[in-house]
C-alpha cells in the first residue's frame, strides 16, 4: 500500500498534535458532567458515527480482514482502550496543564519502546534522553515541593504516563498493520473493539446515568462534541495517516506541540496557573526528546 508523502504526513501530524492539546482541556471539562467511562464511550460512539459511513463510502466492499488482521487489530484496540481510559482517570487527579506537560514525554516513550520491541535503534542510544524526559515527568507529577494543581498529581501523573505507554504501543503496532490496511480501517476497527471492552466497565463508573441528561451543562456537551469530532475522529485519523508516512519515531516528535497548546488552553479556558514547576518540567521533557532525536540521527548517519 502506497504511503503518504512526507509533507502530507507532517501536515497531518501537526494537525493531530494541536487538536490533542485542546483535547486535554476538553476531557477535563467533560469529566465535570460525565464519568471517565461514559466520556470514553460517548466520544467513541460519536466518532464511529462519523468514521464508519466515511469508511463505507471510500473503502466499503474493497477491504477484507484476515484472521491475522483481526488478531493485530484486537491488540491495537487494547492500546486505544488504555490510552483513553487511563488518561481520563488520570485527569481526575491532576490538572489539565500538568497532564499536557507529561504528554510531552510521549516521543521519548515511543522511542524507548521501539528500541526494546522493534529494535530500530539500540537501547543505549535513547536511554539518556528518556531519563531526562522522565525526570521532567516526575517533577510536574509532584515529586518534592508543593504539588501542582489536582487532588493527587502523583497518582494522576502515573495514570497519564501509562496512557502514553498504551499509545506508544498502538503507534508501533499500527504501522505494521498499515502495511496492508488503510489508516481509516485501522482507526474505526480498533476504536470499535476498544468500545466493546469498555461496555462492561460502564456499570462500575457512572455519573450521567445517575444524574440524568438534564443536569449536563452546555460546556459539557461542547467538550464532548470536540472530543468526538476533533480529538477522536479527526485527530486519530490524522495521526495514523502521519505514522504511515514517516513512521512512529519521527511522528512522535510532533507530540512536542501538545504540551504547549495544552498549557495555553488550560490557562485561558480552565484558569489553571502555570508555575515554575511546569515550565522547568516541560524544558526537561523537551530536552530529553531532543537528545533522543539527536542520538538517533547520529546513529542513522553512521549507518
C-alpha atoms as a PDB file:
ATOM      1  CA  UNK A   1       0.000   0.000   0.000  1.00  0.00           C
ATOM      2  CA  UNK A   2       1.369   3.402  -1.006  1.00  0.00           C
ATOM      3  CA  UNK A   3       2.498   5.580   1.876  1.00  0.00           C
ATOM      4  CA  UNK A   4       1.604   9.284   2.175  1.00  0.00           C
ATOM      5  CA  UNK A   5       4.223  11.798   1.109  1.00  0.00           C
ATOM      6  CA  UNK A   6       6.378  13.328   3.840  1.00  0.00           C
ATOM      7  CA  UNK A   7       4.809  16.844   3.569  1.00  0.00           C
ATOM      8  CA  UNK A   8       1.292  15.393   3.777  1.00  0.00           C
ATOM      9  CA  UNK A   9       2.280  13.214   6.728  1.00  0.00           C
ATOM     10  CA  UNK A  10       3.870  16.139   8.581  1.00  0.00           C
ATOM     11  CA  UNK A  11       0.791  18.315   7.992  1.00  0.00           C
ATOM     12  CA  UNK A  12      -1.443  15.552   9.360  1.00  0.00           C
ATOM     13  CA  UNK A  13       0.774  15.059  12.424  1.00  0.00           C
ATOM     14  CA  UNK A  14       0.808  18.793  13.158  1.00  0.00           C
ATOM     15  CA  UNK A  15      -2.982  18.884  12.976  1.00  0.00           C
ATOM     16  CA  UNK A  16      -3.399  15.918  15.304  1.00  0.00           C
ATOM     17  CA  UNK A  17      -0.929  17.320  17.846  1.00  0.00           C
ATOM     18  CA  UNK A  18      -2.662  20.700  18.027  1.00  0.00           C
ATOM     19  CA  UNK A  19      -6.087  19.069  18.248  1.00  0.00           C
ATOM     20  CA  UNK A  20      -4.923  16.769  21.045  1.00  0.00           C
ATOM     21  CA  UNK A  21      -3.584  19.699  23.027  1.00  0.00           C
ATOM     22  CA  UNK A  22      -7.129  21.016  23.131  1.00  0.00           C
ATOM     23  CA  UNK A  23      -8.486  17.555  23.907  1.00  0.00           C
ATOM     24  CA  UNK A  24      -6.771  17.618  27.318  1.00  0.00           C
ATOM     25  CA  UNK A  25      -8.900  20.628  28.231  1.00  0.00           C
ATOM     26  CA  UNK A  26     -11.936  19.033  26.599  1.00  0.00           C
ATOM     27  CA  UNK A  27     -11.563  15.858  28.634  1.00  0.00           C
ATOM     28  CA  UNK A  28     -11.172  17.837  31.862  1.00  0.00           C
ATOM     29  CA  UNK A  29     -14.367  19.768  31.109  1.00  0.00           C
ATOM     30  CA  UNK A  30     -16.257  16.610  30.116  1.00  0.00           C
ATOM     31  CA  UNK A  31     -15.356  14.925  33.407  1.00  0.00           C
ATOM     32  CA  UNK A  32     -17.407  17.566  35.195  1.00  0.00           C
ATOM     33  CA  UNK A  33     -20.580  16.125  33.650  1.00  0.00           C
ATOM     34  CA  UNK A  34     -19.702  12.537  32.713  1.00  0.00           C
ATOM     35  CA  UNK A  35     -17.754   9.719  34.333  1.00  0.00           C
ATOM     36  CA  UNK A  36     -14.464   8.620  32.766  1.00  0.00           C
ATOM     37  CA  UNK A  37     -16.003   5.510  31.183  1.00  0.00           C
ATOM     38  CA  UNK A  38     -19.063   7.435  29.997  1.00  0.00           C
ATOM     39  CA  UNK A  39     -16.835  10.078  28.395  1.00  0.00           C
ATOM     40  CA  UNK A  40     -14.751   7.435  26.642  1.00  0.00           C
ATOM     41  CA  UNK A  41     -17.803   5.504  25.415  1.00  0.00           C
ATOM     42  CA  UNK A  42     -19.696   8.562  24.202  1.00  0.00           C
ATOM     43  CA  UNK A  43     -16.705  10.018  22.359  1.00  0.00           C
ATOM     44  CA  UNK A  44     -16.022   6.633  20.771  1.00  0.00           C
ATOM     45  CA  UNK A  45     -19.616   6.061  19.667  1.00  0.00           C
ATOM     46  CA  UNK A  46     -19.838   9.569  18.266  1.00  0.00           C
ATOM     47  CA  UNK A  47     -16.585   9.138  16.349  1.00  0.00           C
ATOM     48  CA  UNK A  48     -17.749   5.800  14.932  1.00  0.00           C
ATOM     49  CA  UNK A  49     -20.885   7.512  13.659  1.00  0.00           C
ATOM     50  CA  UNK A  50     -18.528   9.657  11.555  1.00  0.00           C
ATOM     51  CA  UNK A  51     -15.820   7.137  10.680  1.00  0.00           C
ATOM     52  CA  UNK A  52     -17.895   4.113   9.628  1.00  0.00           C
ATOM     53  CA  UNK A  53     -20.007   5.946   6.987  1.00  0.00           C
ATOM     54  CA  UNK A  54     -16.831   7.638   5.725  1.00  0.00           C
ATOM     55  CA  UNK A  55     -15.072   4.269   5.515  1.00  0.00           C
ATOM     56  CA  UNK A  56     -18.033   2.645   3.753  1.00  0.00           C
ATOM     57  CA  UNK A  57     -18.212   5.496   1.255  1.00  0.00           C
ATOM     58  CA  UNK A  58     -14.470   5.400   0.427  1.00  0.00           C
ATOM     59  CA  UNK A  59     -13.458   1.786   1.019  1.00  0.00           C
ATOM     60  CA  UNK A  60     -16.527  -0.330   1.796  1.00  0.00           C
ATOM     61  CA  UNK A  61     -16.639  -3.657  -0.013  1.00  0.00           C
ATOM     62  CA  UNK A  62     -12.983  -3.451  -1.028  1.00  0.00           C
ATOM     63  CA  UNK A  63     -11.424  -4.244   2.339  1.00  0.00           C
ATOM     64  CA  UNK A  64     -11.117  -7.789   3.624  1.00  0.00           C
ATOM     65  CA  UNK A  65      -9.856  -8.687   7.071  1.00  0.00           C
ATOM     66  CA  UNK A  66      -7.941 -11.902   7.663  1.00  0.00           C
ATOM     67  CA  UNK A  67      -7.719 -13.766  10.963  1.00  0.00           C
ATOM     68  CA  UNK A  68      -4.228 -12.329  11.419  1.00  0.00           C
ATOM     69  CA  UNK A  69      -5.555  -8.805  10.805  1.00  0.00           C
ATOM     70  CA  UNK A  70      -8.250  -9.290  13.448  1.00  0.00           C
ATOM     71  CA  UNK A  71      -5.663 -10.511  15.932  1.00  0.00           C
ATOM     72  CA  UNK A  72      -3.499  -7.422  15.423  1.00  0.00           C
ATOM     73  CA  UNK A  73      -6.484  -5.068  15.431  1.00  0.00           C
ATOM     74  CA  UNK A  74      -7.693  -6.566  18.721  1.00  0.00           C
ATOM     75  CA  UNK A  75      -4.304  -5.915  20.284  1.00  0.00           C
ATOM     76  CA  UNK A  76      -4.327  -2.356  18.955  1.00  0.00           C
ATOM     77  CA  UNK A  77      -7.810  -1.938  20.408  1.00  0.00           C
ATOM     78  CA  UNK A  78      -6.294  -2.576  23.828  1.00  0.00           C
ATOM     79  CA  UNK A  79      -3.899   0.296  23.134  1.00  0.00           C
ATOM     80  CA  UNK A  80      -6.804   2.636  22.354  1.00  0.00           C
ATOM     81  CA  UNK A  81      -8.642   1.432  25.459  1.00  0.00           C
ATOM     82  CA  UNK A  82      -5.632   2.031  27.691  1.00  0.00           C
ATOM     83  CA  UNK A  83      -4.887   5.452  26.257  1.00  0.00           C
ATOM     84  CA  UNK A  84      -8.428   6.786  26.540  1.00  0.00           C
ATOM     85  CA  UNK A  85      -9.348   5.414  29.959  1.00  0.00           C
ATOM     86  CA  UNK A  86      -6.007   5.860  31.720  1.00  0.00           C
ATOM     87  CA  UNK A  87      -5.773   9.476  30.549  1.00  0.00           C
ATOM     88  CA  UNK A  88      -9.340  10.213  31.657  1.00  0.00           C
ATOM     89  CA  UNK A  89      -8.870   8.600  35.064  1.00  0.00           C
ATOM     90  CA  UNK A  90      -5.576  10.457  35.410  1.00  0.00           C
ATOM     91  CA  UNK A  91      -7.301  13.777  34.731  1.00  0.00           C
ATOM     92  CA  UNK A  92      -9.493  13.144  37.761  1.00  0.00           C
ATOM     93  CA  UNK A  93      -6.442  13.653  39.959  1.00  0.00           C
ATOM     94  CA  UNK A  94      -4.227  16.060  38.044  1.00  0.00           C
ATOM     95  CA  UNK A  95      -4.702  19.425  36.321  1.00  0.00           C
ATOM     96  CA  UNK A  96      -5.020  19.656  32.548  1.00  0.00           C
ATOM     97  CA  UNK A  97      -1.886  21.801  32.296  1.00  0.00           C
ATOM     98  CA  UNK A  98       0.172  19.237  34.206  1.00  0.00           C
ATOM     99  CA  UNK A  99      -1.230  16.373  32.126  1.00  0.00           C
ATOM    100  CA  UNK A 100      -0.369  18.278  28.953  1.00  0.00           C
ATOM    101  CA  UNK A 101       3.234  18.677  30.080  1.00  0.00           C
ATOM    102  CA  UNK A 102       3.512  14.969  30.889  1.00  0.00           C
ATOM    103  CA  UNK A 103       2.195  14.066  27.437  1.00  0.00           C
ATOM    104  CA  UNK A 104       5.219  15.871  26.027  1.00  0.00           C
ATOM    105  CA  UNK A 105       7.243  12.807  27.062  1.00  0.00           C
ATOM    106  CA  UNK A 106       5.403  10.649  24.511  1.00  0.00           C
ATOM    107  CA  UNK A 107       8.185  10.778  21.861  1.00  0.00           C
ATOM    108  CA  UNK A 108      10.731   9.532  24.404  1.00  0.00           C
ATOM    109  CA  UNK A 109       8.402   6.723  25.481  1.00  0.00           C
ATOM    110  CA  UNK A 110       7.762   5.720  21.864  1.00  0.00           C
ATOM    111  CA  UNK A 111      11.492   5.742  21.092  1.00  0.00           C
ATOM    112  CA  UNK A 112      12.259   3.702  24.214  1.00  0.00           C
ATOM    113  CA  UNK A 113       9.654   1.046  23.442  1.00  0.00           C
ATOM    114  CA  UNK A 114      10.656   0.971  19.775  1.00  0.00           C
ATOM    115  CA  UNK A 115      14.240   0.275  20.794  1.00  0.00           C
ATOM    116  CA  UNK A 116      13.116  -2.575  23.052  1.00  0.00           C
ATOM    117  CA  UNK A 117      10.415  -4.125  20.863  1.00  0.00           C
ATOM    118  CA  UNK A 118      11.236  -3.276  17.257  1.00  0.00           C
ATOM    119  CA  UNK A 119      14.968  -2.760  17.876  1.00  0.00           C
ATOM    120  CA  UNK A 120      15.132   0.000  15.289  1.00  0.00           C
ATOM    121  CA  UNK A 121      17.736   1.770  17.433  1.00  0.00           C
ATOM    122  CA  UNK A 122      19.923   0.413  20.273  1.00  0.00           C
ATOM    123  CA  UNK A 123      18.562   0.965  23.778  1.00  0.00           C
ATOM    124  CA  UNK A 124      21.681   2.818  24.914  1.00  0.00           C
ATOM    125  CA  UNK A 125      21.089   5.383  22.165  1.00  0.00           C
ATOM    126  CA  UNK A 126      17.795   6.561  23.659  1.00  0.00           C
ATOM    127  CA  UNK A 127      18.289   5.733  27.352  1.00  0.00           C
ATOM    128  CA  UNK A 128      19.887   9.057  28.334  1.00  0.00           C
ATOM    129  CA  UNK A 129      17.295  11.248  26.650  1.00  0.00           C
ATOM    130  CA  UNK A 130      14.456   9.151  28.064  1.00  0.00           C
ATOM    131  CA  UNK A 131      15.873   9.524  31.570  1.00  0.00           C
ATOM    132  CA  UNK A 132      15.914  13.324  31.228  1.00  0.00           C
ATOM    133  CA  UNK A 133      12.326  13.354  29.943  1.00  0.00           C
ATOM    134  CA  UNK A 134      11.129  11.101  32.749  1.00  0.00           C
ATOM    135  CA  UNK A 135      12.787  13.416  35.263  1.00  0.00           C
ATOM    136  CA  UNK A 136      10.610  16.203  33.877  1.00  0.00           C
ATOM    137  CA  UNK A 137       7.530  13.974  34.219  1.00  0.00           C
ATOM    138  CA  UNK A 138       8.412  13.209  37.833  1.00  0.00           C
ATOM    139  CA  UNK A 139       8.865  16.912  38.569  1.00  0.00           C
ATOM    140  CA  UNK A 140       5.464  18.020  37.292  1.00  0.00           C
ATOM    141  CA  UNK A 141       3.788  14.972  38.881  1.00  0.00           C
ATOM    142  CA  UNK A 142       4.618  16.257  42.350  1.00  0.00           C
ATOM    143  CA  UNK A 143       7.937  14.796  43.449  1.00  0.00           C
ATOM    144  CA  UNK A 144       9.037  17.109  46.233  1.00  0.00           C
ATOM    145  CA  UNK A 145       7.902  20.636  46.965  1.00  0.00           C
ATOM    146  CA  UNK A 146       4.373  21.920  46.621  1.00  0.00           C
ATOM    147  CA  UNK A 147       2.182  19.737  44.445  1.00  0.00           C
ATOM    148  CA  UNK A 148       0.752  21.201  41.266  1.00  0.00           C
ATOM    149  CA  UNK A 149      -2.976  21.597  40.715  1.00  0.00           C
ATOM    150  CA  UNK A 150      -5.032  18.445  41.207  1.00  0.00           C
ATOM    151  CA  UNK A 151      -6.261  16.237  44.018  1.00  0.00           C
ATOM    152  CA  UNK A 152      -3.462  13.676  43.702  1.00  0.00           C
ATOM    153  CA  UNK A 153      -0.982  14.754  40.995  1.00  0.00           C
ATOM    154  CA  UNK A 154       1.369  11.842  41.676  1.00  0.00           C
ATOM    155  CA  UNK A 155      -1.356   9.236  41.016  1.00  0.00           C
ATOM    156  CA  UNK A 156      -2.773  11.265  38.137  1.00  0.00           C
ATOM    157  CA  UNK A 157       0.665  11.629  36.580  1.00  0.00           C
ATOM    158  CA  UNK A 158       1.298   7.876  36.718  1.00  0.00           C
ATOM    159  CA  UNK A 159      -2.061   7.136  35.075  1.00  0.00           C
ATOM    160  CA  UNK A 160      -1.443   9.666  32.291  1.00  0.00           C
ATOM    161  CA  UNK A 161       2.038   8.194  31.793  1.00  0.00           C
ATOM    162  CA  UNK A 162       0.599   4.684  31.480  1.00  0.00           C
ATOM    163  CA  UNK A 163      -1.856   6.083  28.932  1.00  0.00           C
ATOM    164  CA  UNK A 164       1.146   7.277  26.921  1.00  0.00           C
ATOM    165  CA  UNK A 165       2.676   3.806  27.060  1.00  0.00           C
ATOM    166  CA  UNK A 166      -0.565   2.422  25.630  1.00  0.00           C
ATOM    167  CA  UNK A 167      -0.496   4.974  22.819  1.00  0.00           C
ATOM    168  CA  UNK A 168       3.173   4.275  22.049  1.00  0.00           C
ATOM    169  CA  UNK A 169       2.404   0.568  21.680  1.00  0.00           C
ATOM    170  CA  UNK A 170      -0.554   1.460  19.455  1.00  0.00           C
ATOM    171  CA  UNK A 171       1.635   3.637  17.217  1.00  0.00           C
ATOM    172  CA  UNK A 172       4.357   0.980  16.932  1.00  0.00           C
ATOM    173  CA  UNK A 173       1.933  -1.819  16.155  1.00  0.00           C
ATOM    174  CA  UNK A 174      -0.230   0.373  13.964  1.00  0.00           C
ATOM    175  CA  UNK A 175       2.470   0.900  11.385  1.00  0.00           C
ATOM    176  CA  UNK A 176       2.900  -2.844  10.991  1.00  0.00           C
ATOM    177  CA  UNK A 177      -0.824  -3.316  10.368  1.00  0.00           C
ATOM    178  CA  UNK A 178      -0.946  -0.388   7.937  1.00  0.00           C
ATOM    179  CA  UNK A 179       1.409  -2.224   5.622  1.00  0.00           C
ATOM    180  CA  UNK A 180      -1.814  -3.883   4.441  1.00  0.00           C
ATOM    181  CA  UNK A 181      -4.754  -1.895   5.795  1.00  0.00           C
ATOM    182  CA  UNK A 182      -5.558   1.812   5.428  1.00  0.00           C
ATOM    183  CA  UNK A 183      -5.396   4.229   8.387  1.00  0.00           C
ATOM    184  CA  UNK A 184      -9.184   4.674   8.210  1.00  0.00           C
ATOM    185  CA  UNK A 185      -9.779   0.923   8.505  1.00  0.00           C
ATOM    186  CA  UNK A 186      -7.373   0.653  11.423  1.00  0.00           C
ATOM    187  CA  UNK A 187      -8.893   3.702  13.108  1.00  0.00           C
ATOM    188  CA  UNK A 188     -12.549   2.637  13.204  1.00  0.00           C
ATOM    189  CA  UNK A 189     -11.939  -1.071  13.833  1.00  0.00           C
ATOM    190  CA  UNK A 190      -9.591  -0.526  16.773  1.00  0.00           C
ATOM    191  CA  UNK A 191     -11.921   2.116  18.205  1.00  0.00           C
ATOM    192  CA  UNK A 192     -14.889  -0.240  17.834  1.00  0.00           C
ATOM    193  CA  UNK A 193     -13.052  -3.116  19.511  1.00  0.00           C
ATOM    194  CA  UNK A 194     -11.973  -0.868  22.389  1.00  0.00           C
ATOM    195  CA  UNK A 195     -15.593   0.173  22.968  1.00  0.00           C
ATOM    196  CA  UNK A 196     -16.734  -3.449  23.169  1.00  0.00           C
ATOM    197  CA  UNK A 197     -14.282  -3.937  26.041  1.00  0.00           C
ATOM    198  CA  UNK A 198     -15.472  -0.789  27.822  1.00  0.00           C
ATOM    199  CA  UNK A 199     -19.198  -1.541  27.914  1.00  0.00           C
ATOM    200  CA  UNK A 200     -18.952  -3.899  30.940  1.00  0.00           C
ATOM    201  CA  UNK A 201     -16.943  -1.216  32.793  1.00  0.00           C
ATOM    202  CA  UNK A 202     -19.823   1.240  32.495  1.00  0.00           C
ATOM    203  CA  UNK A 203     -21.616  -0.343  35.430  1.00  0.00           C
ATOM    204  CA  UNK A 204     -18.684   0.432  37.716  1.00  0.00           C
ATOM    205  CA  UNK A 205     -18.245   4.101  36.769  1.00  0.00           C
ATOM    206  CA  UNK A 206     -21.391   6.178  36.258  1.00  0.00           C
ATOM    207  CA  UNK A 207     -22.357   9.822  36.515  1.00  0.00           C
ATOM    208  CA  UNK A 208     -24.685  10.713  33.633  1.00  0.00           C
ATOM    209  CA  UNK A 209     -26.695   7.516  34.176  1.00  0.00           C
ATOM    210  CA  UNK A 210     -27.264   8.561  37.795  1.00  0.00           C
ATOM    211  CA  UNK A 211     -27.871  12.320  37.493  1.00  0.00           C
ATOM    212  CA  UNK A 212     -29.584  12.352  34.077  1.00  0.00           C
ATOM    213  CA  UNK A 213     -29.015  14.427  30.937  1.00  0.00           C
ATOM    214  CA  UNK A 214     -30.910  17.457  32.201  1.00  0.00           C
ATOM    215  CA  UNK A 215     -28.123  18.489  34.582  1.00  0.00           C
ATOM    216  CA  UNK A 216     -25.354  18.384  31.975  1.00  0.00           C
ATOM    217  CA  UNK A 217     -24.222  21.977  31.257  1.00  0.00           C
ATOM    218  CA  UNK A 218     -23.678  23.305  27.754  1.00  0.00           C
ATOM    219  CA  UNK A 219     -19.909  23.285  28.362  1.00  0.00           C
ATOM    220  CA  UNK A 220     -20.085  19.537  28.956  1.00  0.00           C
ATOM    221  CA  UNK A 221     -21.849  18.868  25.646  1.00  0.00           C
ATOM    222  CA  UNK A 222     -19.492  21.185  23.758  1.00  0.00           C
ATOM    223  CA  UNK A 223     -16.474  19.463  25.289  1.00  0.00           C
ATOM    224  CA  UNK A 224     -17.868  16.054  24.342  1.00  0.00           C
ATOM    225  CA  UNK A 225     -18.548  17.268  20.797  1.00  0.00           C
ATOM    226  CA  UNK A 226     -14.962  18.484  20.479  1.00  0.00           C
ATOM    227  CA  UNK A 227     -13.658  15.112  21.686  1.00  0.00           C
ATOM    228  CA  UNK A 228     -15.845  13.246  19.192  1.00  0.00           C
ATOM    229  CA  UNK A 229     -15.216  15.302  16.059  1.00  0.00           C
ATOM    230  CA  UNK A 230     -11.695  16.602  16.531  1.00  0.00           C
ATOM    231  CA  UNK A 231      -9.803  14.571  19.132  1.00  0.00           C
ATOM    232  CA  UNK A 232     -11.082  11.134  18.125  1.00  0.00           C
ATOM    233  CA  UNK A 233     -12.384  11.147  14.539  1.00  0.00           C
ATOM    234  CA  UNK A 234     -10.062  13.778  13.031  1.00  0.00           C
ATOM    235  CA  UNK A 235      -7.074  13.630  15.387  1.00  0.00           C
ATOM    236  CA  UNK A 236      -6.659   9.860  15.479  1.00  0.00           C
ATOM    237  CA  UNK A 237      -7.177   9.548  11.722  1.00  0.00           C
ATOM    238  CA  UNK A 238      -4.591  12.268  11.029  1.00  0.00           C
ATOM    239  CA  UNK A 239      -2.133  10.620  13.437  1.00  0.00           C
ATOM    240  CA  UNK A 240      -2.387   7.203  11.785  1.00  0.00           C
ATOM    241  CA  UNK A 241      -2.019   8.810   8.367  1.00  0.00           C
ATOM    242  CA  UNK A 242       1.147  10.572   9.503  1.00  0.00           C
ATOM    243  CA  UNK A 243       2.594   7.469  11.181  1.00  0.00           C
ATOM    244  CA  UNK A 244       2.005   5.526   7.978  1.00  0.00           C
ATOM    245  CA  UNK A 245       4.002   8.127   6.068  1.00  0.00           C
ATOM    246  CA  UNK A 246       7.034   8.752   8.302  1.00  0.00           C
ATOM    247  CA  UNK A 247       6.972   6.057  10.996  1.00  0.00           C
ATOM    248  CA  UNK A 248       6.318   6.186  14.763  1.00  0.00           C
ATOM    249  CA  UNK A 249       9.731   7.535  15.766  1.00  0.00           C
ATOM    250  CA  UNK A 250       9.625  10.660  13.597  1.00  0.00           C
ATOM    251  CA  UNK A 251       5.906  11.076  14.180  1.00  0.00           C
ATOM    252  CA  UNK A 252       6.480  11.132  17.925  1.00  0.00           C
ATOM    253  CA  UNK A 253       8.405  14.403  17.657  1.00  0.00           C
ATOM    254  CA  UNK A 254       5.183  16.221  16.761  1.00  0.00           C
ATOM    255  CA  UNK A 255       3.790  15.417  20.209  1.00  0.00           C
ATOM    256  CA  UNK A 256       6.020  18.297  21.364  1.00  0.00           C
ATOM    257  CA  UNK A 257       3.245  20.623  20.202  1.00  0.00           C
ATOM    258  CA  UNK A 258       0.694  19.076  22.588  1.00  0.00           C
ATOM    259  CA  UNK A 259       2.047  20.388  25.916  1.00  0.00           C
ATOM    260  CA  UNK A 260       2.444  23.908  24.535  1.00  0.00           C
ATOM    261  CA  UNK A 261      -1.152  24.124  23.320  1.00  0.00           C
ATOM    262  CA  UNK A 262      -2.441  22.280  26.405  1.00  0.00           C
ATOM    263  CA  UNK A 263      -0.704  24.719  28.755  1.00  0.00           C
ATOM    264  CA  UNK A 264      -2.031  27.789  26.944  1.00  0.00           C
ATOM    265  CA  UNK A 265      -5.586  26.477  26.630  1.00  0.00           C
ATOM    266  CA  UNK A 266      -5.648  25.276  30.251  1.00  0.00           C
ATOM    267  CA  UNK A 267      -4.745  28.767  31.393  1.00  0.00           C
ATOM    268  CA  UNK A 268      -7.197  30.502  29.027  1.00  0.00           C
ATOM    269  CA  UNK A 269     -10.205  28.180  29.401  1.00  0.00           C
ATOM    270  CA  UNK A 270      -9.811  26.492  32.791  1.00  0.00           C
ATOM    271  CA  UNK A 271      -7.906  29.276  34.544  1.00  0.00           C
ATOM    272  CA  UNK A 272      -5.187  26.882  35.709  1.00  0.00           C
ATOM    273  CA  UNK A 273      -1.982  28.508  36.901  1.00  0.00           C
ATOM    274  CA  UNK A 274       1.261  27.814  35.050  1.00  0.00           C
ATOM    275  CA  UNK A 275       4.098  27.820  37.543  1.00  0.00           C
ATOM    276  CA  UNK A 276       7.855  27.359  37.564  1.00  0.00           C
ATOM    277  CA  UNK A 277       7.449  23.616  38.088  1.00  0.00           C
ATOM    278  CA  UNK A 278       5.529  23.225  34.822  1.00  0.00           C
ATOM    279  CA  UNK A 279       7.989  25.390  32.884  1.00  0.00           C
ATOM    280  CA  UNK A 280      11.045  23.502  34.195  1.00  0.00           C
ATOM    281  CA  UNK A 281       9.286  20.190  33.676  1.00  0.00           C
ATOM    282  CA  UNK A 282       8.452  20.866  30.047  1.00  0.00           C
ATOM    283  CA  UNK A 283      12.020  22.098  29.475  1.00  0.00           C
ATOM    284  CA  UNK A 284      13.393  18.793  30.821  1.00  0.00           C
ATOM    285  CA  UNK A 285      10.913  16.732  28.817  1.00  0.00           C
ATOM    286  CA  UNK A 286      11.684  18.535  25.557  1.00  0.00           C
ATOM    287  CA  UNK A 287      15.426  18.401  26.251  1.00  0.00           C
ATOM    288  CA  UNK A 288      15.139  14.644  26.649  1.00  0.00           C
ATOM    289  CA  UNK A 289      13.167  14.359  23.421  1.00  0.00           C
ATOM    290  CA  UNK A 290      15.838  16.434  21.658  1.00  0.00           C
ATOM    291  CA  UNK A 291      18.571  14.125  22.978  1.00  0.00           C
ATOM    292  CA  UNK A 292      16.695  11.064  21.747  1.00  0.00           C
ATOM    293  CA  UNK A 293      16.297  12.606  18.294  1.00  0.00           C
ATOM    294  CA  UNK A 294      19.907  13.764  18.142  1.00  0.00           C
ATOM    295  CA  UNK A 295      21.362  10.402  19.138  1.00  0.00           C
ATOM    296  CA  UNK A 296      19.054   8.553  16.748  1.00  0.00           C
ATOM    297  CA  UNK A 297      20.050  10.877  13.879  1.00  0.00           C
ATOM    298  CA  UNK A 298      23.733  10.291  14.633  1.00  0.00           C
ATOM    299  CA  UNK A 299      23.227   6.549  14.533  1.00  0.00           C
ATOM    300  CA  UNK A 300      21.426   6.720  11.175  1.00  0.00           C
ATOM    301  CA  UNK A 301      24.189   8.954   9.845  1.00  0.00           C
ATOM    302  CA  UNK A 302      26.759   6.268  10.644  1.00  0.00           C
ATOM    303  CA  UNK A 303      24.641   3.535   9.056  1.00  0.00           C
END
